Amino acid sequence: EFEYAQKAMQLGVVNYLLKPVDKHKLVQA
């Protein structure tokens, strides 16, 4: 949902991953 991602960016979150999270994407993030 966009509103969550938007709020996260406002708080300075550096990445936003959706479940199920791939192991390689987690490590890259």
All heavy atoms as atom14 arrays in JSON, in Angstrom:
{
  "sequence": "EFEYAQKAMQLGVVNYLLKPVDKHKLVQA",
  "atom14_mask": [
    [1, 1, 1, 1, 1, 1, 1, 1, 1, 0, 0, 0, 0, 0],
    [1, 1, 1, 1, 1, 1, 1, 1, 1, 1, 1, 0, 0, 0],
    [1, 1, 1, 1, 1, 1, 1, 1, 1, 0, 0, 0, 0, 0],
    [1, 1, 1, 1, 1, 1, 1, 1, 1, 1, 1, 1, 0, 0],
    [1, 1, 1, 1, 1, 0, 0, 0, 0, 0, 0, 0, 0, 0],
    [1, 1, 1, 1, 1, 1, 1, 1, 1, 0, 0, 0, 0, 0],
    [1, 1, 1, 1, 1, 1, 1, 1, 1, 0, 0, 0, 0, 0],
    [1, 1, 1, 1, 1, 0, 0, 0, 0, 0, 0, 0, 0, 0],
    [1, 1, 1, 1, 1, 1, 1, 1, 0, 0, 0, 0, 0, 0],
    [1, 1, 1, 1, 1, 1, 1, 1, 1, 0, 0, 0, 0, 0],
    [1, 1, 1, 1, 1, 1, 1, 1, 0, 0, 0, 0, 0, 0],
    [1, 1, 1, 1, 0, 0, 0, 0, 0, 0, 0, 0, 0, 0],
    [1, 1, 1, 1, 1, 1, 1, 0, 0, 0, 0, 0, 0, 0],
    [1, 1, 1, 1, 1, 1, 1, 0, 0, 0, 0, 0, 0, 0],
    [1, 1, 1, 1, 1, 1, 1, 1, 0, 0, 0, 0, 0, 0],
    [1, 1, 1, 1, 1, 1, 1, 1, 1, 1, 1, 1, 0, 0],
    [1, 1, 1, 1, 1, 1, 1, 1, 0, 0, 0, 0, 0, 0],
    [1, 1, 1, 1, 1, 1, 1, 1, 0, 0, 0, 0, 0, 0],
    [1, 1, 1, 1, 1, 1, 1, 1, 1, 0, 0, 0, 0, 0],
    [1, 1, 1, 1, 1, 1, 1, 0, 0, 0, 0, 0, 0, 0],
    [1, 1, 1, 1, 1, 1, 1, 0, 0, 0, 0, 0, 0, 0],
    [1, 1, 1, 1, 1, 1, 1, 1, 0, 0, 0, 0, 0, 0],
    [1, 1, 1, 1, 1, 1, 1, 1, 1, 0, 0, 0, 0, 0],
    [1, 1, 1, 1, 1, 1, 1, 1, 1, 1, 0, 0, 0, 0],
    [1, 1, 1, 1, 1, 1, 1, 1, 1, 0, 0, 0, 0, 0],
    [1, 1, 1, 1, 1, 1, 1, 1, 0, 0, 0, 0, 0, 0],
    [1, 1, 1, 1, 1, 1, 1, 0, 0, 0, 0, 0, 0, 0],
    [1, 1, 1, 1, 1, 1, 1, 1, 1, 0, 0, 0, 0, 0],
    [1, 1, 1, 1, 1, 0, 0, 0, 0, 0, 0, 0, 0, 0]
  ],
  "atom14_positions": [
    [[0.83, -1.2, 0.0], [0.0, 0.0, 0.0], [0.87, 1.25, 0.0], [1.77, 1.39, 0.81], [-0.92, -0.01, 1.22], [-1.88, -1.19, 1.22], [-2.72, -1.24, 2.47], [-2.72, -0.24, 3.22], [-3.38, -2.26, 2.7], [0.0, 0.0, 0.0], [0.0, 0.0, 0.0], [0.0, 0.0, 0.0], [0.0, 0.0, 0.0], [0.0, 0.0, 0.0]],
    [[0.55, 2.17, -0.9], [1.37, 3.36, -1.09], [1.51, 4.19, 0.18], [2.57, 4.73, 0.47], [0.77, 4.22, -2.21], [1.5, 5.52, -2.41], [2.77, 5.56, -2.96], [0.93, 6.72, -2.01], [3.45, 6.74, -3.12], [1.61, 7.92, -2.17], [2.87, 7.92, -2.73], [0.0, 0.0, 0.0], [0.0, 0.0, 0.0], [0.0, 0.0, 0.0]],
    [[0.41, 4.3, 0.95], [0.46, 5.18, 2.14], [1.53, 4.71, 3.13], [2.16, 5.52, 3.8], [-0.91, 5.24, 2.82], [-1.41, 3.91, 3.34], [-2.83, 4.01, 3.89], [-3.77, 3.93, 3.1], [-2.95, 4.17, 5.1], [0.0, 0.0, 0.0], [0.0, 0.0, 0.0], [0.0, 0.0, 0.0], [0.0, 0.0, 0.0], [0.0, 0.0, 0.0]],
    [[1.72, 3.4, 3.23], [2.75, 2.89, 4.14], [4.14, 3.24, 3.62], [5.01, 3.69, 4.36], [2.62, 1.38, 4.3], [1.43, 0.95, 5.12], [0.45, 0.14, 4.56], [1.28, 1.36, 6.44], [-0.66, -0.26, 5.3], [0.19, 0.97, 7.19], [-0.78, 0.16, 6.62], [-1.86, -0.22, 7.36], [0.0, 0.0, 0.0], [0.0, 0.0, 0.0]],
    [[4.34, 2.99, 2.32], [5.64, 3.29, 1.72], [5.95, 4.78, 1.84], [7.07, 5.18, 2.14], [5.65, 2.86, 0.26], [0.0, 0.0, 0.0], [0.0, 0.0, 0.0], [0.0, 0.0, 0.0], [0.0, 0.0, 0.0], [0.0, 0.0, 0.0], [0.0, 0.0, 0.0], [0.0, 0.0, 0.0], [0.0, 0.0, 0.0], [0.0, 0.0, 0.0]],
    [[4.93, 5.61, 1.61], [5.12, 7.06, 1.69], [5.52, 7.49, 3.1], [6.44, 8.28, 3.29], [3.83, 7.76, 1.27], [3.96, 9.29, 1.18], [2.66, 9.93, 0.75], [1.59, 9.58, 1.25], [2.74, 10.88, -0.17], [0.0, 0.0, 0.0], [0.0, 0.0, 0.0], [0.0, 0.0, 0.0], [0.0, 0.0, 0.0], [0.0, 0.0, 0.0]],
    [[4.83, 6.97, 4.1], [5.14, 7.29, 5.48], [6.54, 6.8, 5.84], [7.31, 7.49, 6.52], [4.11, 6.63, 6.41], [4.36, 6.85, 7.89], [4.25, 8.31, 8.28], [4.33, 8.47, 9.8], [4.29, 9.89, 10.21], [0.0, 0.0, 0.0], [0.0, 0.0, 0.0], [0.0, 0.0, 0.0], [0.0, 0.0, 0.0], [0.0, 0.0, 0.0]],
    [[6.89, 5.6, 5.35], [8.21, 5.05, 5.62], [9.31, 5.94, 5.05], [10.31, 6.21, 5.71], [8.32, 3.64, 5.02], [0.0, 0.0, 0.0], [0.0, 0.0, 0.0], [0.0, 0.0, 0.0], [0.0, 0.0, 0.0], [0.0, 0.0, 0.0], [0.0, 0.0, 0.0], [0.0, 0.0, 0.0], [0.0, 0.0, 0.0], [0.0, 0.0, 0.0]],
    [[9.1, 6.44, 3.83], [10.09, 7.32, 3.21], [10.23, 8.62, 3.99], [11.32, 9.17, 4.14], [9.72, 7.61, 1.75], [9.75, 6.4, 0.83], [11.33, 5.49, 0.85], [10.83, 3.96, 1.63], [0.0, 0.0, 0.0], [0.0, 0.0, 0.0], [0.0, 0.0, 0.0], [0.0, 0.0, 0.0], [0.0, 0.0, 0.0], [0.0, 0.0, 0.0]],
    [[9.12, 9.12, 4.51], [9.16, 10.35, 5.3], [9.99, 10.16, 6.57], [10.6, 11.1, 7.08], [7.74, 10.79, 5.67], [6.92, 11.31, 4.49], [5.46, 11.54, 4.85], [5.0, 11.16, 5.93], [4.72, 12.15, 3.94], [0.0, 0.0, 0.0], [0.0, 0.0, 0.0], [0.0, 0.0, 0.0], [0.0, 0.0, 0.0], [0.0, 0.0, 0.0]],
    [[10.01, 8.94, 7.08], [10.77, 8.64, 8.29], [12.23, 8.27, 7.98], [12.98, 7.93, 8.88], [10.11, 7.48, 9.05], [8.76, 7.8, 9.71], [8.13, 6.53, 10.27], [8.92, 8.85, 10.8], [0.0, 0.0, 0.0], [0.0, 0.0, 0.0], [0.0, 0.0, 0.0], [0.0, 0.0, 0.0], [0.0, 0.0, 0.0], [0.0, 0.0, 0.0]],
    [[12.59, 8.34, 6.71], [13.98, 8.07, 6.36], [14.31, 6.59, 6.2], [15.47, 6.21, 6.22], [0.0, 0.0, 0.0], [0.0, 0.0, 0.0], [0.0, 0.0, 0.0], [0.0, 0.0, 0.0], [0.0, 0.0, 0.0], [0.0, 0.0, 0.0], [0.0, 0.0, 0.0], [0.0, 0.0, 0.0], [0.0, 0.0, 0.0], [0.0, 0.0, 0.0]],
    [[13.27, 5.74, 6.03], [13.51, 4.32, 5.82], [14.25, 4.15, 4.5], [13.88, 4.75, 3.49], [12.17, 3.55, 5.79], [12.39, 2.1, 5.38], [11.52, 3.61, 7.17], [0.0, 0.0, 0.0], [0.0, 0.0, 0.0], [0.0, 0.0, 0.0], [0.0, 0.0, 0.0], [0.0, 0.0, 0.0], [0.0, 0.0, 0.0], [0.0, 0.0, 0.0]],
    [[15.31, 3.32, 4.48], [16.15, 3.23, 3.28], [15.67, 2.15, 2.31], [16.11, 2.13, 1.16], [17.63, 2.97, 3.65], [18.18, 4.14, 4.44], [17.8, 1.68, 4.42], [0.0, 0.0, 0.0], [0.0, 0.0, 0.0], [0.0, 0.0, 0.0], [0.0, 0.0, 0.0], [0.0, 0.0, 0.0], [0.0, 0.0, 0.0], [0.0, 0.0, 0.0]],
    [[14.77, 1.26, 2.75], [14.23, 0.26, 1.83], [12.9, -0.26, 2.34], [12.63, -0.23, 3.55], [15.2, -0.89, 1.63], [15.22, -1.38, 0.18], [14.17, -1.48, -0.45], [16.41, -1.67, -0.34], [0.0, 0.0, 0.0], [0.0, 0.0, 0.0], [0.0, 0.0, 0.0], [0.0, 0.0, 0.0], [0.0, 0.0, 0.0], [0.0, 0.0, 0.0]],
    [[12.09, -0.75, 1.42], [10.73, -1.22, 1.73], [10.55, -2.53, 0.97], [10.47, -2.54, -0.26], [9.74, -0.16, 1.25], [8.28, -0.42, 1.56], [7.69, 0.1, 2.71], [7.49, -1.16, 0.68], [6.34, -0.12, 2.97], [6.14, -1.38, 0.93], [5.58, -0.86, 2.09], [4.24, -1.07, 2.35], [0.0, 0.0, 0.0], [0.0, 0.0, 0.0]],
    [[10.54, -3.66, 1.69], [10.47, -4.97, 1.06], [9.12, -5.63, 1.34], [8.6, -5.56, 2.45], [11.59, -5.88, 1.6], [13.03, -5.37, 1.4], [14.0, -6.35, 2.05], [13.35, -5.19, -0.08], [0.0, 0.0, 0.0], [0.0, 0.0, 0.0], [0.0, 0.0, 0.0], [0.0, 0.0, 0.0], [0.0, 0.0, 0.0], [0.0, 0.0, 0.0]],
    [[8.58, -6.29, 0.32], [7.29, -6.97, 0.45], [7.49, -8.46, 0.71], [8.37, -9.1, 0.13], [6.46, -6.78, -0.82], [5.98, -5.35, -1.12], [5.25, -5.33, -2.46], [5.07, -4.85, -0.01], [0.0, 0.0, 0.0], [0.0, 0.0, 0.0], [0.0, 0.0, 0.0], [0.0, 0.0, 0.0], [0.0, 0.0, 0.0], [0.0, 0.0, 0.0]],
    [[6.64, -9.0, 1.62], [6.67, -10.44, 1.88], [6.0, -11.18, 0.7], [5.07, -10.65, 0.09], [5.91, -10.75, 3.17], [6.56, -10.2, 4.43], [5.71, -10.58, 5.64], [6.32, -10.06, 6.93], [5.49, -10.38, 8.12], [0.0, 0.0, 0.0], [0.0, 0.0, 0.0], [0.0, 0.0, 0.0], [0.0, 0.0, 0.0], [0.0, 0.0, 0.0]],
    [[6.44, -12.39, 0.42], [7.58, -13.09, 1.02], [8.9, -12.49, 0.52], [9.02, -12.2, -0.67], [7.41, -14.53, 0.55], [6.66, -14.41, -0.74], [5.75, -13.24, -0.58], [0.0, 0.0, 0.0], [0.0, 0.0, 0.0], [0.0, 0.0, 0.0], [0.0, 0.0, 0.0], [0.0, 0.0, 0.0], [0.0, 0.0, 0.0], [0.0, 0.0, 0.0]],
    [[9.83, -12.31, 1.42], [11.09, -11.65, 1.08], [12.12, -12.67, 0.61], [12.43, -13.63, 1.33], [11.64, -10.88, 2.3], [12.97, -10.22, 1.94], [10.64, -9.83, 2.77], [0.0, 0.0, 0.0], [0.0, 0.0, 0.0], [0.0, 0.0, 0.0], [0.0, 0.0, 0.0], [0.0, 0.0, 0.0], [0.0, 0.0, 0.0], [0.0, 0.0, 0.0]],
    [[12.64, -12.45, -0.58], [13.7, -13.3, -1.11], [14.99, -13.07, -0.31], [15.33, -11.93, 0.02], [13.94, -12.94, -2.58], [15.07, -13.74, -3.2], [14.85, -14.9, -3.57], [16.18, -13.17, -3.28], [0.0, 0.0, 0.0], [0.0, 0.0, 0.0], [0.0, 0.0, 0.0], [0.0, 0.0, 0.0], [0.0, 0.0, 0.0], [0.0, 0.0, 0.0]],
    [[15.7, -14.15, 0.02], [16.91, -14.04, 0.84], [17.94, -13.11, 0.21], [18.57, -12.3, 0.9], [17.54, -15.43, 1.04], [16.73, -16.36, 1.92], [17.45, -17.68, 2.09], [16.65, -18.63, 2.99], [17.34, -19.93, 3.17], [0.0, 0.0, 0.0], [0.0, 0.0, 0.0], [0.0, 0.0, 0.0], [0.0, 0.0, 0.0], [0.0, 0.0, 0.0]],
    [[18.12, -13.22, -1.1], [19.13, -12.38, -1.77], [18.73, -10.91, -1.74], [19.58, -10.03, -1.55], [19.31, -12.85, -3.22], [19.86, -14.24, -3.34], [21.13, -14.58, -2.91], [19.3, -15.38, -3.81], [21.33, -15.87, -3.12], [20.24, -16.39, -3.66], [0.0, 0.0, 0.0], [0.0, 0.0, 0.0], [0.0, 0.0, 0.0], [0.0, 0.0, 0.0]],
    [[17.43, -10.64, -1.89], [16.96, -9.25, -1.83], [17.13, -8.69, -0.42], [17.45, -7.5, -0.25], [15.5, -9.16, -2.26], [15.3, -9.33, -3.76], [13.85, -9.08, -4.15], [13.68, -9.17, -5.66], [12.28, -8.93, -6.08], [0.0, 0.0, 0.0], [0.0, 0.0, 0.0], [0.0, 0.0, 0.0], [0.0, 0.0, 0.0], [0.0, 0.0, 0.0]],
    [[16.92, -9.53, 0.59], [17.11, -9.1, 1.97], [18.56, -8.71, 2.21], [18.86, -7.64, 2.75], [16.7, -10.2, 2.94], [16.99, -9.94, 4.43], [16.19, -8.74, 4.93], [16.7, -11.18, 5.27], [0.0, 0.0, 0.0], [0.0, 0.0, 0.0], [0.0, 0.0, 0.0], [0.0, 0.0, 0.0], [0.0, 0.0, 0.0], [0.0, 0.0, 0.0]],
    [[19.47, -9.57, 1.77], [20.9, -9.3, 1.96], [21.32, -8.04, 1.2], [22.07, -7.2, 1.73], [21.75, -10.51, 1.52], [23.23, -10.13, 1.43], [21.56, -11.67, 2.49], [0.0, 0.0, 0.0], [0.0, 0.0, 0.0], [0.0, 0.0, 0.0], [0.0, 0.0, 0.0], [0.0, 0.0, 0.0], [0.0, 0.0, 0.0], [0.0, 0.0, 0.0]],
    [[20.83, -7.89, -0.03], [21.16, -6.69, -0.81], [20.67, -5.42, -0.11], [21.38, -4.4, -0.06], [20.53, -6.78, -2.2], [21.22, -7.77, -3.12], [20.52, -7.92, -4.46], [19.42, -7.39, -4.66], [21.14, -8.63, -5.38], [0.0, 0.0, 0.0], [0.0, 0.0, 0.0], [0.0, 0.0, 0.0], [0.0, 0.0, 0.0], [0.0, 0.0, 0.0]],
    [[19.45, -5.49, 0.44], [18.88, -4.34, 1.14], [19.69, -4.01, 2.39], [19.93, -2.84, 2.71], [17.43, -4.61, 1.52], [0.0, 0.0, 0.0], [0.0, 0.0, 0.0], [0.0, 0.0, 0.0], [0.0, 0.0, 0.0], [0.0, 0.0, 0.0], [0.0, 0.0, 0.0], [0.0, 0.0, 0.0], [0.0, 0.0, 0.0], [0.0, 0.0, 0.0]]
  ]
}
